[in-house]
Amino acid sequence: MKLGKLTIITLFLTLMSCGSGSELMGRNFTSIQSCVASMKNVSSGPLKIVTDKSDQVTGVLSNGKTFNCEKKSSGTKGNYVEGWYMKAKSK
């Protein structure tokens, strides 16, 4: 099985922050720009961008957790951007 470079980077970032103290938060957006803006609001600090492509932006929030904004397409949903970030679990 051959994985693309972006897939490997995204997988690495996800595994890096998937400790037992994290949970995945996500939703769909209409554009990459609105997804990244939402991640900036969640971060309450500067984002560290790792991948900056026209169809995917990945990086690290100010709390050290990862995020991803990626263009997707499906027959039922059409074109959309899937965005997610890792959040510390509530106790």
N, C-alpha and C. Protein backbone atom coordinates (compact mmCIF):
# COMPACT_ATOMS: atom_id res chain seq x y z
N MET A 1 0.85 -1.18 0.00
CA MET A 1 0.00 0.00 0.00
C MET A 1 0.89 1.24 0.00
N LYS A 2 0.66 2.14 -0.94
CA LYS A 2 1.46 3.35 -1.07
C LYS A 2 0.69 4.53 -0.49
N LEU A 3 1.29 5.23 0.48
CA LEU A 3 0.66 6.39 1.08
C LEU A 3 1.35 7.65 0.59
N GLY A 4 0.55 8.70 0.35
CA GLY A 4 1.11 9.97 -0.08
C GLY A 4 1.80 10.68 1.07
N LYS A 5 2.67 11.62 0.73
CA LYS A 5 3.42 12.38 1.73
C LYS A 5 2.48 13.14 2.68
N LEU A 6 1.43 13.78 2.15
CA LEU A 6 0.49 14.50 3.00
C LEU A 6 -0.24 13.56 3.95
N THR A 7 -0.60 12.38 3.48
CA THR A 7 -1.27 11.41 4.32
C THR A 7 -0.37 10.98 5.47
N ILE A 8 0.89 10.74 5.16
CA ILE A 8 1.85 10.33 6.19
C ILE A 8 2.04 11.44 7.22
N ILE A 9 2.17 12.68 6.78
CA ILE A 9 2.34 13.81 7.70
C ILE A 9 1.11 13.94 8.59
N THR A 10 -0.08 13.86 7.99
CA THR A 10 -1.32 13.97 8.77
C THR A 10 -1.42 12.84 9.78
N LEU A 11 -1.10 11.63 9.35
CA LEU A 11 -1.12 10.47 10.25
C LEU A 11 -0.15 10.67 11.40
N PHE A 12 1.06 11.15 11.09
CA PHE A 12 2.06 11.39 12.12
C PHE A 12 1.58 12.42 13.13
N LEU A 13 1.05 13.53 12.64
CA LEU A 13 0.55 14.57 13.55
C LEU A 13 -0.59 14.06 14.42
N THR A 14 -1.47 13.27 13.83
CA THR A 14 -2.58 12.71 14.58
C THR A 14 -2.09 11.77 15.66
N LEU A 15 -1.21 10.87 15.32
CA LEU A 15 -0.68 9.92 16.30
C LEU A 15 0.11 10.61 17.39
N MET A 16 0.80 11.69 17.01
CA MET A 16 1.60 12.44 17.97
C MET A 16 0.74 13.03 19.08
N SER A 17 -0.49 13.42 18.76
CA SER A 17 -1.32 14.09 19.75
C SER A 17 -2.47 13.23 20.25
N CYS A 18 -2.51 11.96 19.87
CA CYS A 18 -3.62 11.09 20.26
C CYS A 18 -3.34 10.36 21.57
N GLY A 19 -2.88 11.04 22.56
CA GLY A 19 -2.70 10.41 23.85
C GLY A 19 -4.05 10.20 24.51
N SER A 20 -4.04 9.56 25.65
CA SER A 20 -5.30 9.28 26.35
C SER A 20 -5.97 10.57 26.83
N GLY A 21 -5.25 11.69 26.83
CA GLY A 21 -5.83 12.94 27.30
C GLY A 21 -6.39 13.80 26.19
N SER A 22 -6.70 13.24 25.02
CA SER A 22 -7.20 14.02 23.90
C SER A 22 -8.46 13.42 23.31
N GLU A 23 -9.28 14.29 22.73
CA GLU A 23 -10.44 13.83 21.97
C GLU A 23 -10.52 14.64 20.68
N LEU A 24 -11.12 14.05 19.67
CA LEU A 24 -11.22 14.67 18.35
C LEU A 24 -12.50 15.49 18.25
N MET A 25 -12.35 16.75 17.84
CA MET A 25 -13.48 17.65 17.62
C MET A 25 -13.48 18.03 16.15
N GLY A 26 -14.63 17.96 15.49
CA GLY A 26 -14.64 18.29 14.08
C GLY A 26 -16.00 18.73 13.55
N ARG A 27 -15.97 19.33 12.37
CA ARG A 27 -17.18 19.73 11.66
C ARG A 27 -16.82 20.03 10.21
N ASN A 28 -17.83 20.29 9.40
CA ASN A 28 -17.63 20.61 7.99
C ASN A 28 -17.73 22.12 7.77
N PHE A 29 -16.96 22.60 6.78
CA PHE A 29 -16.90 24.02 6.44
C PHE A 29 -17.13 24.17 4.94
N THR A 30 -17.35 25.41 4.51
CA THR A 30 -17.54 25.68 3.09
C THR A 30 -16.23 26.01 2.37
N SER A 31 -15.17 26.37 3.12
CA SER A 31 -13.89 26.70 2.50
C SER A 31 -12.74 26.40 3.46
N ILE A 32 -11.56 26.25 2.89
CA ILE A 32 -10.35 26.06 3.70
C ILE A 32 -10.14 27.28 4.59
N GLN A 33 -10.37 28.48 4.02
CA GLN A 33 -10.15 29.71 4.78
C GLN A 33 -11.04 29.79 6.02
N SER A 34 -12.32 29.41 5.89
CA SER A 34 -13.21 29.46 7.05
C SER A 34 -12.83 28.40 8.08
N CYS A 35 -12.32 27.27 7.62
CA CYS A 35 -11.85 26.22 8.54
C CYS A 35 -10.64 26.72 9.33
N VAL A 36 -9.65 27.29 8.64
CA VAL A 36 -8.45 27.79 9.32
C VAL A 36 -8.81 28.92 10.28
N ALA A 37 -9.73 29.80 9.89
CA ALA A 37 -10.18 30.87 10.79
C ALA A 37 -10.79 30.29 12.06
N SER A 38 -11.57 29.24 11.92
CA SER A 38 -12.18 28.58 13.08
C SER A 38 -11.10 27.98 13.97
N MET A 39 -10.07 27.39 13.37
CA MET A 39 -8.97 26.81 14.16
C MET A 39 -8.22 27.90 14.92
N LYS A 40 -8.06 29.08 14.31
CA LYS A 40 -7.41 30.21 15.00
C LYS A 40 -8.23 30.62 16.22
N ASN A 41 -9.56 30.63 16.08
CA ASN A 41 -10.42 30.98 17.21
C ASN A 41 -10.31 29.97 18.34
N VAL A 42 -10.26 28.70 17.98
CA VAL A 42 -10.13 27.63 18.98
C VAL A 42 -8.77 27.71 19.67
N SER A 43 -7.75 28.06 18.93
CA SER A 43 -6.38 28.04 19.42
C SER A 43 -6.10 29.10 20.48
N SER A 44 -6.74 30.23 20.38
CA SER A 44 -6.49 31.39 21.26
C SER A 44 -5.00 31.75 21.29
N GLY A 45 -4.33 31.52 20.20
CA GLY A 45 -2.92 31.85 20.02
C GLY A 45 -2.54 31.55 18.60
N PRO A 46 -1.30 31.78 18.23
CA PRO A 46 -0.89 31.56 16.84
C PRO A 46 -0.90 30.08 16.47
N LEU A 47 -1.21 29.81 15.19
CA LEU A 47 -1.14 28.46 14.65
C LEU A 47 0.24 28.22 14.07
N LYS A 48 0.74 26.99 14.18
CA LYS A 48 1.97 26.61 13.50
C LYS A 48 1.53 25.76 12.31
N ILE A 49 1.62 26.33 11.10
CA ILE A 49 1.19 25.63 9.89
C ILE A 49 2.30 24.67 9.47
N VAL A 50 1.93 23.40 9.25
CA VAL A 50 2.88 22.38 8.81
C VAL A 50 2.71 22.09 7.33
N THR A 51 1.47 21.93 6.88
CA THR A 51 1.16 21.70 5.47
C THR A 51 0.26 22.82 4.99
N ASP A 52 0.62 23.49 3.90
CA ASP A 52 -0.19 24.58 3.36
C ASP A 52 -0.39 24.36 1.87
N LYS A 53 -1.36 23.55 1.51
CA LYS A 53 -1.68 23.23 0.13
C LYS A 53 -3.08 23.77 -0.19
N SER A 54 -3.42 23.83 -1.46
CA SER A 54 -4.73 24.36 -1.84
C SER A 54 -5.88 23.47 -1.38
N ASP A 55 -5.60 22.18 -1.17
CA ASP A 55 -6.67 21.27 -0.74
C ASP A 55 -6.52 20.76 0.69
N GLN A 56 -5.45 21.19 1.40
CA GLN A 56 -5.25 20.75 2.79
C GLN A 56 -4.32 21.69 3.54
N VAL A 57 -4.72 22.04 4.76
CA VAL A 57 -3.88 22.79 5.68
C VAL A 57 -3.85 22.00 6.99
N THR A 58 -2.65 21.67 7.46
CA THR A 58 -2.50 20.99 8.74
C THR A 58 -1.53 21.78 9.59
N GLY A 59 -1.59 21.55 10.89
CA GLY A 59 -0.67 22.23 11.78
C GLY A 59 -0.93 21.94 13.23
N VAL A 60 -0.40 22.84 14.06
CA VAL A 60 -0.45 22.67 15.50
C VAL A 60 -1.06 23.92 16.12
N LEU A 61 -2.02 23.71 17.03
CA LEU A 61 -2.63 24.80 17.78
C LEU A 61 -1.65 25.32 18.82
N SER A 62 -1.95 26.45 19.45
CA SER A 62 -1.05 27.01 20.46
C SER A 62 -0.90 26.11 21.68
N ASN A 63 -1.84 25.17 21.90
CA ASN A 63 -1.74 24.24 23.04
C ASN A 63 -0.96 22.98 22.69
N GLY A 64 -0.40 22.91 21.48
CA GLY A 64 0.39 21.76 21.06
C GLY A 64 -0.40 20.64 20.40
N LYS A 65 -1.71 20.78 20.33
CA LYS A 65 -2.56 19.76 19.69
C LYS A 65 -2.66 20.04 18.19
N THR A 66 -2.90 18.99 17.40
CA THR A 66 -2.92 19.13 15.95
C THR A 66 -4.30 19.50 15.41
N PHE A 67 -4.29 20.04 14.17
CA PHE A 67 -5.54 20.31 13.47
C PHE A 67 -5.37 19.97 11.99
N ASN A 68 -6.49 19.82 11.29
CA ASN A 68 -6.49 19.50 9.87
C ASN A 68 -7.71 20.13 9.22
N CYS A 69 -7.51 20.76 8.07
CA CYS A 69 -8.58 21.27 7.22
C CYS A 69 -8.33 20.68 5.84
N GLU A 70 -9.27 19.88 5.33
CA GLU A 70 -9.03 19.17 4.09
C GLU A 70 -10.27 19.15 3.21
N LYS A 71 -10.08 19.50 1.91
CA LYS A 71 -11.19 19.47 0.95
C LYS A 71 -11.61 18.02 0.71
N LYS A 72 -12.91 17.80 0.68
CA LYS A 72 -13.48 16.47 0.44
C LYS A 72 -14.59 16.61 -0.59
N SER A 73 -14.99 15.49 -1.16
CA SER A 73 -16.07 15.46 -2.12
C SER A 73 -16.80 14.14 -2.00
N SER A 74 -18.13 14.20 -2.01
CA SER A 74 -18.92 12.96 -1.97
C SER A 74 -20.16 13.13 -2.83
N GLY A 75 -20.74 12.02 -3.19
CA GLY A 75 -21.95 12.07 -4.02
C GLY A 75 -23.12 12.70 -3.30
N THR A 76 -23.24 12.48 -2.01
CA THR A 76 -24.39 13.02 -1.27
C THR A 76 -24.14 14.40 -0.68
N LYS A 77 -22.91 14.67 -0.24
CA LYS A 77 -22.60 15.96 0.37
C LYS A 77 -22.07 16.99 -0.61
N GLY A 78 -21.60 16.55 -1.77
CA GLY A 78 -20.97 17.47 -2.71
C GLY A 78 -19.56 17.83 -2.24
N ASN A 79 -19.11 19.04 -2.55
CA ASN A 79 -17.78 19.51 -2.13
C ASN A 79 -17.89 20.22 -0.79
N TYR A 80 -16.96 19.90 0.11
CA TYR A 80 -16.94 20.52 1.43
C TYR A 80 -15.54 20.41 2.00
N VAL A 81 -15.31 21.07 3.13
CA VAL A 81 -14.03 21.00 3.82
C VAL A 81 -14.27 20.36 5.17
N GLU A 82 -13.53 19.28 5.44
CA GLU A 82 -13.62 18.61 6.73
C GLU A 82 -12.54 19.20 7.63
N GLY A 83 -12.95 19.70 8.78
CA GLY A 83 -12.00 20.27 9.72
C GLY A 83 -12.08 19.58 11.06
N TRP A 84 -10.91 19.33 11.67
CA TRP A 84 -10.89 18.74 13.01
C TRP A 84 -9.67 19.22 13.78
N TYR A 85 -9.75 19.11 15.09
CA TYR A 85 -8.61 19.40 15.95
C TYR A 85 -8.68 18.50 17.18
N MET A 86 -7.53 18.34 17.80
CA MET A 86 -7.46 17.54 19.01
C MET A 86 -7.67 18.48 20.20
N LYS A 87 -8.45 18.02 21.14
CA LYS A 87 -8.79 18.82 22.33
C LYS A 87 -8.51 17.99 23.56
N ALA A 88 -8.02 18.64 24.62
CA ALA A 88 -7.81 17.92 25.88
C ALA A 88 -9.15 17.43 26.39
N LYS A 89 -9.20 16.19 26.84
CA LYS A 89 -10.45 15.62 27.35
C LYS A 89 -10.89 16.34 28.61
N SER A 90 -12.21 16.54 28.70
CA SER A 90 -12.78 17.12 29.93
C SER A 90 -12.85 16.04 30.98
N LYS A 91 -12.59 16.41 32.20
CA LYS A 91 -12.63 15.42 33.28
C LYS A 91 -13.93 15.44 34.00
